[in-house]
Amino acid sequence: MSIPSETAPASRGQTEQVHPATTHLIVLPGGGYATHATHEAEPIVAWLSALGLSASVFRYPLHVRHPEPLVALQAEIRRRREQGAVRIGLIGFSAGGHLAGLAALAPGGDPLESVQFALLGYAITSMETETYRPARLILLGENASQQLRRQTSLDALVTEASPPFFLWHTAEDIYVPPEHTYRLASALAAHEVPHTVHVFAHGPHSLGLAQDAGQAAAWTELAQSWITEQVRMPQPGTP
């Protein structure tokens, strides 16, 4: 796991950081719960660091059953809090987006494991569909009950107390269809949870930073504004 400095240097031309020093972002690469996609790991941290944001990659356990990846991520959130982070943001892609959503939406969670905002890129959000079945089989097994599949579907976990979400996807994604993002967005809207959704017309699955990917490349600029808004919100417990 790569753990950069808690206070990342500002990019050339910046005169100040865009966040309180007590905010930390955890990046969760995709890979279907079978691997960690390298282009969704350190390159994402480098982008965030160039914005003056504190960020690190967390490589969660692979080829294990639920809730082991979630428990590991929650332990990492607690560790970051012990190091001084007050506000935690999660950025996840594909299966990493699913895990980020599970942590952000965990019911009755410990305040030390709380998540203040989450950004999901072409995320698996539902274990009730048959799309991206290999990831579901790894996480839940061949004979997972309908109850377990529902309990690990993000749209079923949303409440009025859920944190803000930024969701982006492409309409041409054949591995994780945009239906996954629409499902979660509908649940967030139904519970009046602040959220932003961008579905770009073109682009395959697993774009990462989406450089030279046409309109989808705009997601980083859109996300930058959104993240800045989140980290400048009053810290928990302040007026």
Protein backbone atom coordinates (compact mmCIF):
# COMPACT_ATOMS: atom_id res chain seq x y z
CA MET A 1 0.00 0.00 0.00
CA SER A 2 1.30 3.43 -0.90
CA ILE A 3 0.97 5.97 1.91
CA PRO A 4 2.04 9.45 0.83
CA SER A 5 2.55 12.35 3.19
CA GLU A 6 -0.59 13.43 5.01
CA THR A 7 -0.06 16.95 3.73
CA ALA A 8 0.61 16.59 0.02
CA PRO A 9 2.50 19.36 -1.81
CA ALA A 10 0.51 21.82 -3.88
CA SER A 11 0.94 21.73 -7.62
CA ARG A 12 3.02 24.36 -9.39
CA GLY A 13 1.18 27.65 -9.48
CA GLN A 14 -0.97 26.89 -6.45
CA THR A 15 -0.53 29.18 -3.48
CA GLU A 16 -2.59 27.22 -0.97
CA GLN A 17 -4.11 23.84 -0.40
CA VAL A 18 -7.77 23.39 -1.18
CA HIS A 19 -8.63 21.43 1.94
CA PRO A 20 -8.30 21.39 5.72
CA ALA A 21 -5.28 19.33 6.80
CA THR A 22 -7.60 16.97 8.65
CA THR A 23 -9.26 15.60 5.48
CA HIS A 24 -7.92 12.42 3.90
CA LEU A 25 -9.07 10.57 0.77
CA ILE A 26 -8.72 6.79 0.43
CA VAL A 27 -8.52 5.45 -3.13
CA LEU A 28 -9.91 1.97 -3.86
CA PRO A 29 -8.93 0.57 -7.28
CA GLY A 30 -11.20 -1.78 -9.17
CA GLY A 31 -10.51 -5.27 -10.43
CA GLY A 32 -13.60 -7.36 -9.79
CA TYR A 33 -12.47 -8.32 -6.26
CA ALA A 34 -9.86 -10.47 -8.05
CA THR A 35 -7.08 -7.94 -8.62
CA HIS A 36 -6.22 -4.27 -8.13
CA ALA A 37 -6.17 -2.18 -11.33
CA THR A 38 -2.90 -0.26 -11.23
CA HIS A 39 -4.19 2.67 -13.30
CA GLU A 40 -6.93 3.23 -10.70
CA ALA A 41 -4.48 3.37 -7.82
CA GLU A 42 -1.33 5.55 -7.64
CA PRO A 43 -2.26 7.65 -10.71
CA ILE A 44 -5.43 8.71 -8.88
CA VAL A 45 -3.43 9.62 -5.78
CA ALA A 46 -1.01 11.62 -7.94
CA TRP A 47 -3.92 13.57 -9.43
CA LEU A 48 -5.35 14.30 -6.00
CA SER A 49 -1.94 15.27 -4.61
CA ALA A 50 -1.48 17.72 -7.47
CA LEU A 51 -4.69 19.37 -6.26
CA GLY A 52 -3.20 19.75 -2.78
CA LEU A 53 -5.26 16.91 -1.32
CA SER A 54 -4.07 14.26 1.12
CA ALA A 55 -4.70 10.80 -0.34
CA SER A 56 -3.52 7.21 -0.29
CA VAL A 57 -4.30 3.88 -1.97
CA PHE A 58 -5.82 1.07 0.06
CA ARG A 59 -5.42 -2.40 -1.42
CA TYR A 60 -8.23 -4.34 0.19
CA PRO A 61 -8.22 -8.15 0.48
CA LEU A 62 -8.97 -10.08 -2.71
CA HIS A 63 -10.60 -13.47 -3.36
CA VAL A 64 -12.31 -13.38 0.01
CA ARG A 65 -15.93 -13.33 1.09
CA HIS A 66 -17.97 -10.46 2.43
CA PRO A 67 -17.52 -8.79 4.88
CA GLU A 68 -13.73 -9.24 4.94
CA PRO A 69 -12.93 -6.41 2.46
CA LEU A 70 -15.34 -4.09 4.28
CA VAL A 71 -13.87 -4.90 7.69
CA ALA A 72 -10.38 -4.23 6.35
CA LEU A 73 -11.44 -0.87 4.89
CA GLN A 74 -13.14 0.15 8.11
CA ALA A 75 -9.93 -0.65 9.99
CA GLU A 76 -8.03 1.57 7.54
CA ILE A 77 -10.50 4.40 8.12
CA ARG A 78 -10.00 4.05 11.87
CA ARG A 79 -6.22 4.07 11.39
CA ARG A 80 -6.39 7.28 9.38
CA ARG A 81 -8.51 8.85 12.11
CA GLU A 82 -5.94 7.83 14.71
CA GLN A 83 -3.40 9.71 12.58
CA GLY A 84 -5.49 12.88 12.80
CA ALA A 85 -8.00 12.73 9.94
CA VAL A 86 -11.39 14.15 10.91
CA ARG A 87 -13.06 13.97 7.50
CA ILE A 88 -12.67 10.83 5.36
CA GLY A 89 -13.53 10.68 1.66
CA LEU A 90 -13.56 7.49 -0.41
CA ILE A 91 -12.84 7.28 -4.14
CA GLY A 92 -13.59 3.88 -5.67
CA PHE A 93 -13.71 2.39 -9.14
CA SER A 94 -15.76 -0.62 -10.30
CA ALA A 95 -15.48 -3.22 -7.48
CA GLY A 96 -13.54 -0.66 -5.45
CA GLY A 97 -16.54 1.63 -5.90
CA HIS A 98 -18.80 -1.08 -4.53
CA LEU A 99 -16.59 -1.42 -1.47
CA ALA A 100 -16.44 2.35 -1.02
CA GLY A 101 -20.22 2.45 -1.13
CA LEU A 102 -20.55 -0.34 1.43
CA ALA A 103 -18.33 1.58 3.85
CA ALA A 104 -20.05 4.91 3.22
CA LEU A 105 -23.50 3.38 3.69
CA ALA A 106 -22.72 0.90 6.49
CA PRO A 107 -25.72 0.82 8.84
CA GLY A 108 -25.19 1.68 12.49
CA GLY A 109 -21.51 2.25 11.97
CA ASP A 110 -18.92 3.31 14.52
CA PRO A 111 -18.35 7.10 14.30
CA LEU A 112 -14.63 6.36 13.97
CA GLU A 113 -15.44 4.45 10.76
CA SER A 114 -17.73 7.10 9.32
CA VAL A 115 -17.31 8.43 5.79
CA GLN A 116 -18.08 12.06 4.97
CA PHE A 117 -18.28 11.75 1.17
CA ALA A 118 -17.77 9.18 -1.58
CA LEU A 119 -16.91 9.34 -5.27
CA LEU A 120 -17.70 6.24 -7.33
CA GLY A 121 -16.52 5.65 -10.89
CA TYR A 122 -18.43 3.07 -13.00
CA ALA A 123 -19.11 1.24 -9.74
CA ILE A 124 -20.78 -2.08 -9.15
CA THR A 125 -23.66 -1.01 -6.95
CA SER A 126 -26.06 -3.94 -7.09
CA MET A 127 -25.51 -7.60 -6.26
CA GLU A 128 -29.06 -8.34 -7.40
CA THR A 129 -28.30 -8.00 -11.12
CA GLU A 130 -26.50 -10.59 -13.20
CA THR A 131 -23.98 -8.11 -14.59
CA TYR A 132 -20.36 -8.51 -13.56
CA ARG A 133 -21.29 -11.88 -12.08
CA PRO A 134 -17.63 -12.94 -11.45
CA ALA A 135 -17.20 -10.23 -8.82
CA ARG A 136 -20.41 -11.31 -7.10
CA LEU A 137 -19.30 -14.95 -7.03
CA ILE A 138 -15.99 -14.01 -5.41
CA LEU A 139 -17.58 -11.78 -2.80
CA LEU A 140 -20.77 -13.70 -2.01
CA GLY A 141 -20.31 -17.20 -3.41
CA GLU A 142 -22.28 -19.27 -5.91
CA ASN A 143 -25.31 -19.85 -3.73
CA ALA A 144 -25.70 -16.45 -2.06
CA SER A 145 -29.20 -15.91 -0.71
CA GLN A 146 -31.41 -13.18 -2.07
CA GLN A 147 -31.23 -11.58 1.36
CA LEU A 148 -27.42 -11.40 1.26
CA ARG A 149 -27.47 -10.07 -2.30
CA ARG A 150 -29.90 -7.37 -1.19
CA GLN A 151 -27.86 -6.52 1.91
CA THR A 152 -24.77 -5.93 -0.24
CA SER A 153 -26.57 -3.80 -2.83
CA LEU A 154 -25.86 -0.12 -2.26
CA ASP A 155 -29.32 1.13 -3.22
CA ALA A 156 -30.77 -0.94 -0.36
CA LEU A 157 -28.46 0.70 2.19
CA VAL A 158 -29.22 4.37 1.49
CA THR A 159 -30.88 6.36 4.29
CA GLU A 160 -31.57 10.04 4.92
CA ALA A 161 -28.31 10.11 6.94
CA SER A 162 -26.13 8.87 4.07
CA PRO A 163 -23.18 11.07 3.03
CA PRO A 164 -22.99 12.95 -0.31
CA PHE A 165 -22.06 10.96 -3.42
CA PHE A 166 -20.47 11.82 -6.77
CA LEU A 167 -21.24 9.16 -9.39
CA TRP A 168 -19.89 8.87 -12.92
CA HIS A 169 -20.25 6.22 -15.60
CA THR A 170 -20.32 5.76 -19.37
CA ALA A 171 -23.36 4.64 -21.32
CA GLU A 172 -21.25 2.20 -23.38
CA ASP A 173 -19.90 0.25 -20.39
CA ILE A 174 -20.68 -3.40 -21.15
CA TYR A 175 -19.10 -4.90 -18.04
CA VAL A 176 -20.84 -2.75 -15.43
CA PRO A 177 -23.79 -1.15 -17.27
CA PRO A 178 -24.87 2.35 -16.18
CA GLU A 179 -27.95 0.72 -14.65
CA HIS A 180 -25.77 0.30 -11.55
CA THR A 181 -25.26 4.04 -11.22
CA TYR A 182 -28.92 4.76 -12.01
CA ARG A 183 -30.04 2.37 -9.25
CA LEU A 184 -27.93 4.09 -6.64
CA ALA A 185 -28.78 7.58 -7.87
CA SER A 186 -32.52 6.78 -7.66
CA ALA A 187 -32.13 5.62 -4.07
CA LEU A 188 -30.12 8.72 -3.14
CA ALA A 189 -32.79 10.93 -4.72
CA ALA A 190 -35.60 9.08 -2.95
CA HIS A 191 -33.92 9.72 0.40
CA GLU A 192 -32.96 13.31 -0.48
CA VAL A 193 -29.23 12.62 -0.12
CA PRO A 194 -27.02 15.20 -1.89
CA HIS A 195 -25.52 13.65 -5.00
CA THR A 196 -24.06 14.45 -8.40
CA VAL A 197 -24.38 12.10 -11.40
CA HIS A 198 -22.57 12.20 -14.74
CA VAL A 199 -23.13 9.56 -17.41
CA PHE A 200 -21.02 10.17 -20.50
CA ALA A 201 -22.21 8.90 -23.87
CA HIS A 202 -19.01 7.16 -24.91
CA GLY A 203 -16.25 5.16 -23.30
CA PRO A 204 -15.52 1.60 -22.13
CA HIS A 205 -15.26 0.24 -18.62
CA SER A 206 -12.21 0.91 -16.45
CA LEU A 207 -11.21 4.34 -17.78
CA GLY A 208 -9.41 5.53 -14.65
CA LEU A 209 -8.42 9.16 -15.16
CA ALA A 210 -9.93 8.85 -18.67
CA GLN A 211 -7.20 10.91 -20.32
CA ASP A 212 -7.74 11.22 -24.08
CA ALA A 213 -11.14 9.54 -23.66
CA GLY A 214 -13.29 12.29 -25.15
CA GLN A 215 -16.05 13.79 -23.04
CA ALA A 216 -15.47 11.29 -20.23
CA ALA A 217 -12.12 12.98 -19.56
CA ALA A 218 -14.12 15.84 -18.03
CA TRP A 219 -14.95 13.77 -14.96
CA THR A 220 -11.78 14.83 -13.15
CA GLU A 221 -12.51 18.53 -13.54
CA LEU A 222 -16.10 18.02 -12.42
CA ALA A 223 -14.93 15.92 -9.49
CA GLN A 224 -12.34 18.48 -8.46
CA SER A 225 -15.03 21.12 -7.93
CA TRP A 226 -17.22 18.67 -6.07
CA ILE A 227 -14.43 17.41 -3.80
CA THR A 228 -13.37 20.97 -3.01
CA GLU A 229 -16.95 21.71 -1.93
CA GLN A 230 -17.01 18.64 0.31
CA VAL A 231 -13.71 19.25 2.07
CA ARG A 232 -14.56 22.90 2.72
CA MET A 233 -17.75 21.96 4.54
CA PRO A 234 -17.60 22.59 8.31
CA GLN A 235 -15.86 19.78 10.12
CA PRO A 236 -18.02 17.44 12.22
CA GLY A 237 -18.86 19.07 15.53
CA THR A 238 -18.24 22.64 14.35
CA PRO A 239 -20.89 25.31 13.74
